[in-house]
């Protein structure tokens, strides 16, 4: 089981942490030096094509007022 940043989160994350450089498609270097990769459902399914995906679910983290803080994927997979 793991979580991954969703491509839907790019707009939120790049506002709060400005990207310095686009390293590759959906892969950024942020102002503080952190690198971050945002993954689409299609790309995750490709990466785990040799695995049995038990669950791949889009998730949303919100604050108490309902403001979206983060979009991410929850994935449960088993190596075949």
N, C-alpha and C. Protein backbone atom coordinates (compact mmCIF):
# COMPACT_ATOMS: atom_id res chain seq x y z
N UNK A 1 0.84 -1.17 0.00
CA UNK A 1 0.00 0.00 0.00
C UNK A 1 0.89 1.23 0.00
N UNK A 2 0.49 2.23 -0.79
CA UNK A 2 1.22 3.48 -0.82
C UNK A 2 0.30 4.59 -1.28
N UNK A 3 0.75 5.81 -1.08
CA UNK A 3 0.05 6.97 -1.63
C UNK A 3 1.01 7.68 -2.58
N UNK A 4 0.42 8.38 -3.55
CA UNK A 4 1.22 9.10 -4.54
C UNK A 4 0.51 10.42 -4.86
N UNK A 5 1.29 11.43 -5.18
CA UNK A 5 0.72 12.72 -5.56
C UNK A 5 -0.03 12.60 -6.88
N UNK A 6 -1.22 13.17 -6.91
CA UNK A 6 -2.04 13.15 -8.12
C UNK A 6 -1.72 14.35 -9.01
N UNK A 7 -1.86 14.17 -10.30
CA UNK A 7 -1.69 15.31 -11.21
C UNK A 7 -2.71 16.41 -10.90
N UNK A 8 -3.83 16.06 -10.29
CA UNK A 8 -4.81 17.07 -9.89
C UNK A 8 -4.27 18.00 -8.81
N UNK A 9 -3.21 17.59 -8.14
CA UNK A 9 -2.62 18.38 -7.06
C UNK A 9 -1.61 19.42 -7.53
N UNK A 10 -1.24 19.39 -8.80
CA UNK A 10 -0.21 20.31 -9.31
C UNK A 10 -0.58 21.76 -9.02
N UNK A 11 -1.80 22.15 -9.32
CA UNK A 11 -2.21 23.55 -9.15
C UNK A 11 -2.12 23.98 -7.69
N UNK A 12 -2.50 23.11 -6.77
CA UNK A 12 -2.45 23.46 -5.34
C UNK A 12 -1.01 23.53 -4.86
N UNK A 13 -0.22 22.53 -5.18
CA UNK A 13 1.15 22.46 -4.66
C UNK A 13 2.04 23.56 -5.23
N UNK A 14 1.91 23.87 -6.50
CA UNK A 14 2.80 24.86 -7.10
C UNK A 14 2.45 26.28 -6.68
N UNK A 15 1.27 26.49 -6.11
CA UNK A 15 0.93 27.80 -5.54
C UNK A 15 1.61 27.95 -4.18
N UNK A 16 1.56 26.90 -3.36
CA UNK A 16 2.14 26.97 -2.01
C UNK A 16 3.66 26.80 -2.02
N UNK A 17 4.19 26.10 -3.00
CA UNK A 17 5.64 25.89 -3.12
C UNK A 17 6.00 26.09 -4.59
N UNK A 18 6.50 27.26 -4.90
CA UNK A 18 6.77 27.59 -6.30
C UNK A 18 7.80 26.66 -6.92
N UNK A 19 7.48 26.15 -8.12
CA UNK A 19 8.46 25.31 -8.81
C UNK A 19 9.59 26.17 -9.39
N UNK A 20 10.80 25.67 -9.28
CA UNK A 20 11.96 26.34 -9.83
C UNK A 20 12.19 25.86 -11.26
N UNK A 21 11.98 24.56 -11.43
CA UNK A 21 12.32 23.96 -12.71
C UNK A 21 11.42 22.75 -12.98
N UNK A 22 10.99 22.62 -14.23
CA UNK A 22 10.29 21.41 -14.67
C UNK A 22 11.38 20.43 -15.11
N UNK A 23 11.50 19.30 -14.41
CA UNK A 23 12.54 18.33 -14.69
C UNK A 23 12.12 17.34 -15.77
N UNK A 24 10.83 17.02 -15.79
CA UNK A 24 10.25 16.09 -16.76
C UNK A 24 8.75 16.28 -16.67
N UNK A 25 8.00 15.56 -17.46
CA UNK A 25 6.55 15.67 -17.41
C UNK A 25 6.05 15.42 -15.99
N UNK A 26 5.36 16.39 -15.41
CA UNK A 26 4.79 16.30 -14.06
C UNK A 26 5.82 16.02 -12.98
N UNK A 27 7.06 16.43 -13.19
CA UNK A 27 8.15 16.22 -12.23
C UNK A 27 8.87 17.56 -12.06
N UNK A 28 8.80 18.11 -10.85
CA UNK A 28 9.28 19.47 -10.59
C UNK A 28 10.35 19.49 -9.52
N UNK A 29 11.22 20.51 -9.62
CA UNK A 29 12.08 20.88 -8.51
C UNK A 29 11.44 22.11 -7.90
N UNK A 30 11.18 22.07 -6.58
CA UNK A 30 10.55 23.19 -5.90
C UNK A 30 11.59 24.14 -5.33
N UNK A 31 11.14 25.31 -4.91
CA UNK A 31 12.03 26.37 -4.44
C UNK A 31 12.95 25.91 -3.31
N UNK A 32 12.48 25.06 -2.42
CA UNK A 32 13.29 24.59 -1.30
C UNK A 32 14.26 23.48 -1.66
N UNK A 33 14.28 23.06 -2.94
CA UNK A 33 15.18 21.99 -3.38
C UNK A 33 14.51 20.62 -3.46
N UNK A 34 13.31 20.51 -2.91
CA UNK A 34 12.58 19.24 -2.97
C UNK A 34 12.16 18.95 -4.41
N UNK A 35 12.22 17.69 -4.78
CA UNK A 35 11.66 17.28 -6.08
C UNK A 35 10.35 16.57 -5.81
N UNK A 36 9.41 16.75 -6.71
CA UNK A 36 8.09 16.16 -6.52
C UNK A 36 7.54 15.69 -7.87
N UNK A 37 6.99 14.50 -7.85
CA UNK A 37 6.43 13.89 -9.06
C UNK A 37 4.93 13.74 -8.84
N UNK A 38 4.16 14.16 -9.81
CA UNK A 38 2.70 14.03 -9.78
C UNK A 38 2.32 12.94 -10.79
N UNK A 39 1.47 12.00 -10.36
CA UNK A 39 1.17 10.84 -11.18
C UNK A 39 -0.30 10.79 -11.60
N UNK A 40 -0.52 10.42 -12.84
CA UNK A 40 -1.88 10.24 -13.34
C UNK A 40 -2.29 8.78 -13.14
N UNK A 41 -3.58 8.52 -13.25
CA UNK A 41 -4.08 7.15 -13.14
C UNK A 41 -3.49 6.27 -14.24
N UNK A 42 -3.42 6.81 -15.45
CA UNK A 42 -2.87 6.05 -16.58
C UNK A 42 -1.41 5.69 -16.32
N UNK A 43 -0.62 6.63 -15.82
CA UNK A 43 0.79 6.37 -15.56
C UNK A 43 0.97 5.36 -14.42
N UNK A 44 0.18 5.46 -13.37
CA UNK A 44 0.26 4.49 -12.28
C UNK A 44 -0.06 3.08 -12.76
N UNK A 45 -1.11 2.96 -13.59
CA UNK A 45 -1.46 1.65 -14.13
C UNK A 45 -0.34 1.10 -15.01
N UNK A 46 0.33 1.98 -15.75
CA UNK A 46 1.47 1.57 -16.57
C UNK A 46 2.62 1.09 -15.67
N UNK A 47 2.95 1.88 -14.64
CA UNK A 47 4.05 1.52 -13.74
C UNK A 47 3.83 0.17 -13.06
N UNK A 48 2.58 -0.11 -12.74
CA UNK A 48 2.25 -1.33 -12.02
C UNK A 48 1.57 -2.36 -12.90
N UNK A 49 1.86 -2.33 -14.18
CA UNK A 49 1.23 -3.26 -15.12
C UNK A 49 1.59 -4.72 -14.84
N UNK A 50 2.72 -4.97 -14.22
CA UNK A 50 3.11 -6.34 -13.89
C UNK A 50 2.63 -6.74 -12.49
N UNK A 51 1.90 -5.86 -11.85
CA UNK A 51 1.38 -6.11 -10.51
C UNK A 51 -0.13 -6.28 -10.57
N UNK A 52 -0.69 -6.92 -9.59
CA UNK A 52 -2.14 -6.97 -9.44
C UNK A 52 -2.55 -5.75 -8.62
N UNK A 53 -3.27 -4.82 -9.24
CA UNK A 53 -3.74 -3.64 -8.53
C UNK A 53 -5.05 -4.01 -7.83
N UNK A 54 -5.02 -4.01 -6.54
CA UNK A 54 -6.18 -4.36 -5.74
C UNK A 54 -7.09 -3.14 -5.56
N UNK A 55 -6.46 -1.99 -5.35
CA UNK A 55 -7.22 -0.76 -5.22
C UNK A 55 -6.38 0.40 -5.75
N UNK A 56 -7.00 1.26 -6.54
CA UNK A 56 -6.38 2.50 -6.99
C UNK A 56 -7.48 3.54 -6.90
N UNK A 57 -7.37 4.37 -5.89
CA UNK A 57 -8.48 5.26 -5.55
C UNK A 57 -8.00 6.69 -5.42
N UNK A 58 -8.67 7.64 -6.11
CA UNK A 58 -8.33 9.05 -5.92
C UNK A 58 -8.82 9.51 -4.55
N UNK A 59 -7.99 10.26 -3.86
CA UNK A 59 -8.31 10.73 -2.51
C UNK A 59 -8.18 12.25 -2.45
N UNK A 60 -8.92 12.84 -1.52
CA UNK A 60 -8.85 14.28 -1.30
C UNK A 60 -8.69 14.53 0.18
N UNK A 61 -7.71 15.35 0.53
CA UNK A 61 -7.52 15.78 1.91
C UNK A 61 -8.03 17.21 2.01
N UNK A 62 -8.92 17.45 2.97
CA UNK A 62 -9.53 18.77 3.14
C UNK A 62 -9.38 19.22 4.59
N UNK A 63 -9.46 20.54 4.80
CA UNK A 63 -9.45 21.04 6.17
C UNK A 63 -10.88 21.04 6.72
N UNK A 64 -11.06 21.50 7.94
CA UNK A 64 -12.37 21.48 8.59
C UNK A 64 -13.41 22.35 7.87
N UNK A 65 -12.94 23.36 7.13
CA UNK A 65 -13.85 24.23 6.39
C UNK A 65 -14.20 23.67 5.01
N UNK A 66 -13.61 22.55 4.67
CA UNK A 66 -13.89 21.91 3.38
C UNK A 66 -12.95 22.34 2.27
N UNK A 67 -11.95 23.18 2.58
CA UNK A 67 -10.98 23.59 1.56
C UNK A 67 -10.06 22.43 1.23
N UNK A 68 -9.92 22.16 -0.06
CA UNK A 68 -9.05 21.06 -0.50
C UNK A 68 -7.60 21.43 -0.23
N UNK A 69 -6.89 20.54 0.45
CA UNK A 69 -5.48 20.73 0.76
C UNK A 69 -4.57 19.93 -0.16
N UNK A 70 -5.08 18.77 -0.62
CA UNK A 70 -4.23 17.88 -1.41
C UNK A 70 -5.09 16.85 -2.14
N UNK A 71 -4.69 16.54 -3.37
CA UNK A 71 -5.25 15.43 -4.13
C UNK A 71 -4.15 14.37 -4.24
N UNK A 72 -4.50 13.12 -3.99
CA UNK A 72 -3.50 12.06 -4.06
C UNK A 72 -4.17 10.73 -4.40
N UNK A 73 -3.35 9.74 -4.69
CA UNK A 73 -3.81 8.39 -4.98
C UNK A 73 -3.52 7.48 -3.81
N UNK A 74 -4.46 6.60 -3.51
CA UNK A 74 -4.22 5.50 -2.57
C UNK A 74 -4.16 4.24 -3.44
N UNK A 75 -3.09 3.50 -3.29
CA UNK A 75 -2.93 2.30 -4.11
C UNK A 75 -2.54 1.11 -3.24
N UNK A 76 -3.21 0.02 -3.51
CA UNK A 76 -2.84 -1.27 -2.90
C UNK A 76 -2.56 -2.20 -4.08
N UNK A 77 -1.36 -2.77 -4.09
CA UNK A 77 -0.97 -3.63 -5.21
C UNK A 77 -0.17 -4.81 -4.67
N UNK A 78 -0.23 -5.90 -5.42
CA UNK A 78 0.48 -7.12 -5.05
C UNK A 78 1.31 -7.56 -6.26
N UNK A 79 2.59 -7.82 -6.02
CA UNK A 79 3.44 -8.29 -7.10
C UNK A 79 3.03 -9.70 -7.49
N UNK A 80 2.84 -9.90 -8.79
CA UNK A 80 2.42 -11.22 -9.27
C UNK A 80 3.62 -12.08 -9.60
